[in-house]
N, C-alpha and C. Protein backbone atom coordinates (compact mmCIF):
# COMPACT_ATOMS: atom_id res chain seq x y z
N MET A 1 -62.14 162.12 -201.80
CA MET A 1 -61.96 162.74 -203.09
C MET A 1 -63.19 163.58 -203.41
N THR A 2 -62.96 164.79 -203.89
CA THR A 2 -64.05 165.69 -204.26
C THR A 2 -64.02 165.95 -205.76
N THR A 3 -65.17 165.83 -206.40
CA THR A 3 -65.32 166.09 -207.82
C THR A 3 -66.36 167.17 -208.03
N ILE A 4 -66.05 168.14 -208.88
CA ILE A 4 -67.01 169.15 -209.27
C ILE A 4 -67.58 168.74 -210.62
N VAL A 5 -68.91 168.78 -210.74
CA VAL A 5 -69.58 168.36 -211.96
C VAL A 5 -70.34 169.54 -212.54
N LEU A 6 -70.16 169.77 -213.84
CA LEU A 6 -70.94 170.75 -214.57
C LEU A 6 -71.76 169.97 -215.59
N ALA A 7 -73.07 169.92 -215.37
CA ALA A 7 -73.96 169.18 -216.25
C ALA A 7 -74.66 170.15 -217.19
N HIS A 8 -74.53 169.91 -218.48
CA HIS A 8 -75.17 170.75 -219.49
C HIS A 8 -76.67 170.42 -219.55
N PRO A 9 -77.46 171.38 -220.05
CA PRO A 9 -78.92 171.14 -220.17
C PRO A 9 -79.22 169.93 -221.06
N THR A 10 -80.32 169.28 -220.77
CA THR A 10 -80.80 168.16 -221.57
C THR A 10 -82.27 168.40 -221.90
N GLN A 11 -82.86 167.49 -222.64
CA GLN A 11 -84.29 167.61 -222.93
C GLN A 11 -85.11 167.51 -221.65
N LYS A 12 -84.64 166.76 -220.68
CA LYS A 12 -85.37 166.58 -219.43
C LYS A 12 -85.12 167.71 -218.44
N HIS A 13 -83.95 168.35 -218.50
CA HIS A 13 -83.61 169.40 -217.54
C HIS A 13 -83.02 170.57 -218.31
N ALA A 14 -83.71 171.70 -218.30
CA ALA A 14 -83.39 172.82 -219.18
C ALA A 14 -82.30 173.77 -218.68
N SER A 15 -81.68 173.52 -217.54
CA SER A 15 -80.67 174.46 -217.05
C SER A 15 -79.34 173.74 -216.82
N PHE A 16 -78.27 174.55 -216.70
CA PHE A 16 -76.96 174.03 -216.33
C PHE A 16 -76.99 173.72 -214.85
N GLN A 17 -76.37 172.63 -214.43
CA GLN A 17 -76.28 172.28 -213.02
C GLN A 17 -74.81 172.15 -212.65
N VAL A 18 -74.45 172.71 -211.50
CA VAL A 18 -73.10 172.58 -210.97
C VAL A 18 -73.23 172.03 -209.56
N PHE A 19 -72.49 170.96 -209.27
CA PHE A 19 -72.56 170.39 -207.93
C PHE A 19 -71.26 169.69 -207.58
N ALA A 20 -71.08 169.47 -206.30
CA ALA A 20 -69.88 168.80 -205.80
C ALA A 20 -70.25 167.42 -205.29
N ILE A 21 -69.35 166.48 -205.51
CA ILE A 21 -69.54 165.11 -205.02
C ILE A 21 -68.34 164.76 -204.15
N TYR A 22 -68.61 164.33 -202.93
CA TYR A 22 -67.55 163.82 -202.05
C TYR A 22 -67.69 162.31 -202.04
N ASP A 23 -66.60 161.61 -202.35
CA ASP A 23 -66.63 160.16 -202.45
C ASP A 23 -65.45 159.58 -201.68
N ALA A 24 -65.77 158.84 -200.63
CA ALA A 24 -64.76 158.14 -199.82
C ALA A 24 -65.25 156.70 -199.65
N PRO A 25 -64.43 155.81 -199.12
CA PRO A 25 -64.84 154.42 -199.01
C PRO A 25 -66.21 154.19 -198.35
N ASP A 26 -66.52 154.92 -197.30
CA ASP A 26 -67.80 154.70 -196.61
C ASP A 26 -68.74 155.90 -196.67
N VAL A 27 -68.37 156.94 -197.42
CA VAL A 27 -69.17 158.17 -197.47
C VAL A 27 -69.33 158.62 -198.92
N HIS A 28 -70.56 158.86 -199.33
CA HIS A 28 -70.87 159.36 -200.67
C HIS A 28 -71.89 160.48 -200.51
N ARG A 29 -71.50 161.72 -200.83
CA ARG A 29 -72.38 162.87 -200.64
C ARG A 29 -72.36 163.78 -201.84
N VAL A 30 -73.51 164.33 -202.16
CA VAL A 30 -73.63 165.41 -203.14
C VAL A 30 -73.97 166.66 -202.36
N PHE A 31 -73.26 167.76 -202.64
CA PHE A 31 -73.52 169.00 -201.91
C PHE A 31 -73.25 170.20 -202.81
N ALA A 32 -73.64 171.38 -202.35
CA ALA A 32 -73.40 172.64 -203.05
C ALA A 32 -73.99 172.64 -204.45
N SER A 33 -75.19 172.15 -204.60
CA SER A 33 -75.85 172.07 -205.89
C SER A 33 -76.45 173.43 -206.28
N GLU A 34 -76.18 173.87 -207.51
CA GLU A 34 -76.72 175.12 -208.03
C GLU A 34 -77.17 174.93 -209.46
N GLU A 35 -78.14 175.75 -209.90
CA GLU A 35 -78.63 175.72 -211.27
C GLU A 35 -78.45 177.09 -211.92
N PHE A 36 -78.16 177.09 -213.22
CA PHE A 36 -77.93 178.33 -213.96
C PHE A 36 -78.58 178.25 -215.33
N ALA A 37 -79.09 179.38 -215.79
CA ALA A 37 -79.67 179.46 -217.13
C ALA A 37 -78.59 179.78 -218.17
N VAL A 38 -77.51 180.43 -217.73
CA VAL A 38 -76.46 180.90 -218.63
C VAL A 38 -75.18 180.09 -218.42
N ARG A 39 -74.60 179.62 -219.52
CA ARG A 39 -73.41 178.77 -219.45
C ARG A 39 -72.23 179.46 -218.75
N ASP A 40 -71.98 180.74 -219.07
CA ASP A 40 -70.84 181.44 -218.47
C ASP A 40 -70.94 181.48 -216.95
N GLU A 41 -72.14 181.67 -216.43
CA GLU A 41 -72.33 181.69 -214.98
C GLU A 41 -72.04 180.31 -214.38
N ALA A 42 -72.47 179.26 -215.06
CA ALA A 42 -72.21 177.90 -214.59
C ALA A 42 -70.71 177.60 -214.60
N GLU A 43 -70.03 178.01 -215.66
CA GLU A 43 -68.58 177.79 -215.77
C GLU A 43 -67.85 178.52 -214.64
N ARG A 44 -68.25 179.76 -214.36
CA ARG A 44 -67.63 180.54 -213.30
C ARG A 44 -67.86 179.89 -211.94
N ALA A 45 -69.09 179.44 -211.69
CA ALA A 45 -69.41 178.77 -210.42
C ALA A 45 -68.59 177.49 -210.26
N ALA A 46 -68.43 176.73 -211.33
CA ALA A 46 -67.64 175.49 -211.27
C ALA A 46 -66.19 175.79 -210.91
N ARG A 47 -65.61 176.83 -211.52
CA ARG A 47 -64.23 177.19 -211.19
C ARG A 47 -64.10 177.62 -209.73
N GLU A 48 -65.07 178.40 -209.26
CA GLU A 48 -65.05 178.84 -207.86
C GLU A 48 -65.17 177.65 -206.90
N MET A 49 -66.03 176.68 -207.24
CA MET A 49 -66.17 175.49 -206.39
C MET A 49 -64.89 174.66 -206.39
N MET A 50 -64.21 174.59 -207.53
CA MET A 50 -62.94 173.85 -207.59
C MET A 50 -61.97 174.40 -206.55
N GLU A 51 -61.89 175.73 -206.47
CA GLU A 51 -60.98 176.35 -205.51
C GLU A 51 -61.50 176.24 -204.08
N GLU A 52 -62.78 176.57 -203.88
CA GLU A 52 -63.35 176.59 -202.54
C GLU A 52 -63.26 175.23 -201.83
N PHE A 53 -63.59 174.17 -202.56
CA PHE A 53 -63.62 172.84 -201.96
C PHE A 53 -62.33 172.05 -202.21
N GLU A 54 -61.33 172.71 -202.82
CA GLU A 54 -60.05 172.06 -203.14
C GLU A 54 -60.29 170.72 -203.82
N ALA A 55 -61.09 170.76 -204.87
CA ALA A 55 -61.52 169.55 -205.57
C ALA A 55 -60.36 168.84 -206.25
N ASP A 56 -60.48 167.52 -206.31
CA ASP A 56 -59.47 166.68 -206.96
C ASP A 56 -59.73 166.51 -208.45
N HIS A 57 -61.02 166.59 -208.83
CA HIS A 57 -61.39 166.33 -210.22
C HIS A 57 -62.49 167.27 -210.68
N PHE A 58 -62.56 167.43 -212.00
CA PHE A 58 -63.65 168.17 -212.64
C PHE A 58 -64.26 167.27 -213.71
N ARG A 59 -65.55 167.22 -213.77
CA ARG A 59 -66.22 166.39 -214.77
C ARG A 59 -67.31 167.23 -215.44
N ARG A 60 -67.35 167.16 -216.77
CA ARG A 60 -68.38 167.83 -217.55
C ARG A 60 -69.30 166.75 -218.10
N VAL A 61 -70.61 166.93 -217.92
CA VAL A 61 -71.58 165.94 -218.38
C VAL A 61 -72.43 166.59 -219.47
N VAL A 62 -72.44 165.96 -220.65
CA VAL A 62 -73.24 166.45 -221.76
C VAL A 62 -74.09 165.32 -222.31
N GLU A 63 -75.18 165.69 -222.93
CA GLU A 63 -76.05 164.69 -223.55
C GLU A 63 -75.37 164.16 -224.80
N VAL A 64 -75.54 162.90 -225.09
CA VAL A 64 -74.94 162.28 -226.28
C VAL A 64 -75.40 163.04 -227.52
N GLY A 65 -74.44 163.40 -228.35
CA GLY A 65 -74.74 164.11 -229.60
C GLY A 65 -74.69 165.63 -229.47
N GLU A 66 -74.54 166.16 -228.28
CA GLU A 66 -74.50 167.61 -228.10
C GLU A 66 -73.13 168.15 -228.47
N ARG A 67 -73.11 169.31 -229.10
CA ARG A 67 -71.85 169.98 -229.42
C ARG A 67 -71.43 170.84 -228.25
N ILE A 68 -70.15 170.82 -227.92
CA ILE A 68 -69.63 171.68 -226.87
C ILE A 68 -68.89 172.85 -227.53
N GLY A 69 -69.16 174.04 -227.06
CA GLY A 69 -68.44 175.21 -227.56
C GLY A 69 -69.24 176.13 -228.39
């Protein structure tokens, strides 16, 4: 199973991060990690990764209390 993750900036990390996670019973890998300063670029990269890696899931990670949108 492949999941694409878009992580929003936090106090500890000031940029958007997009990465892929491959998770199988005996294999756990993070790959294709990229960082972006602009949200639109991160969103576009996440969509492209969804198609490129034929991902099963998409997950958005935000800091507690952050507004999305």
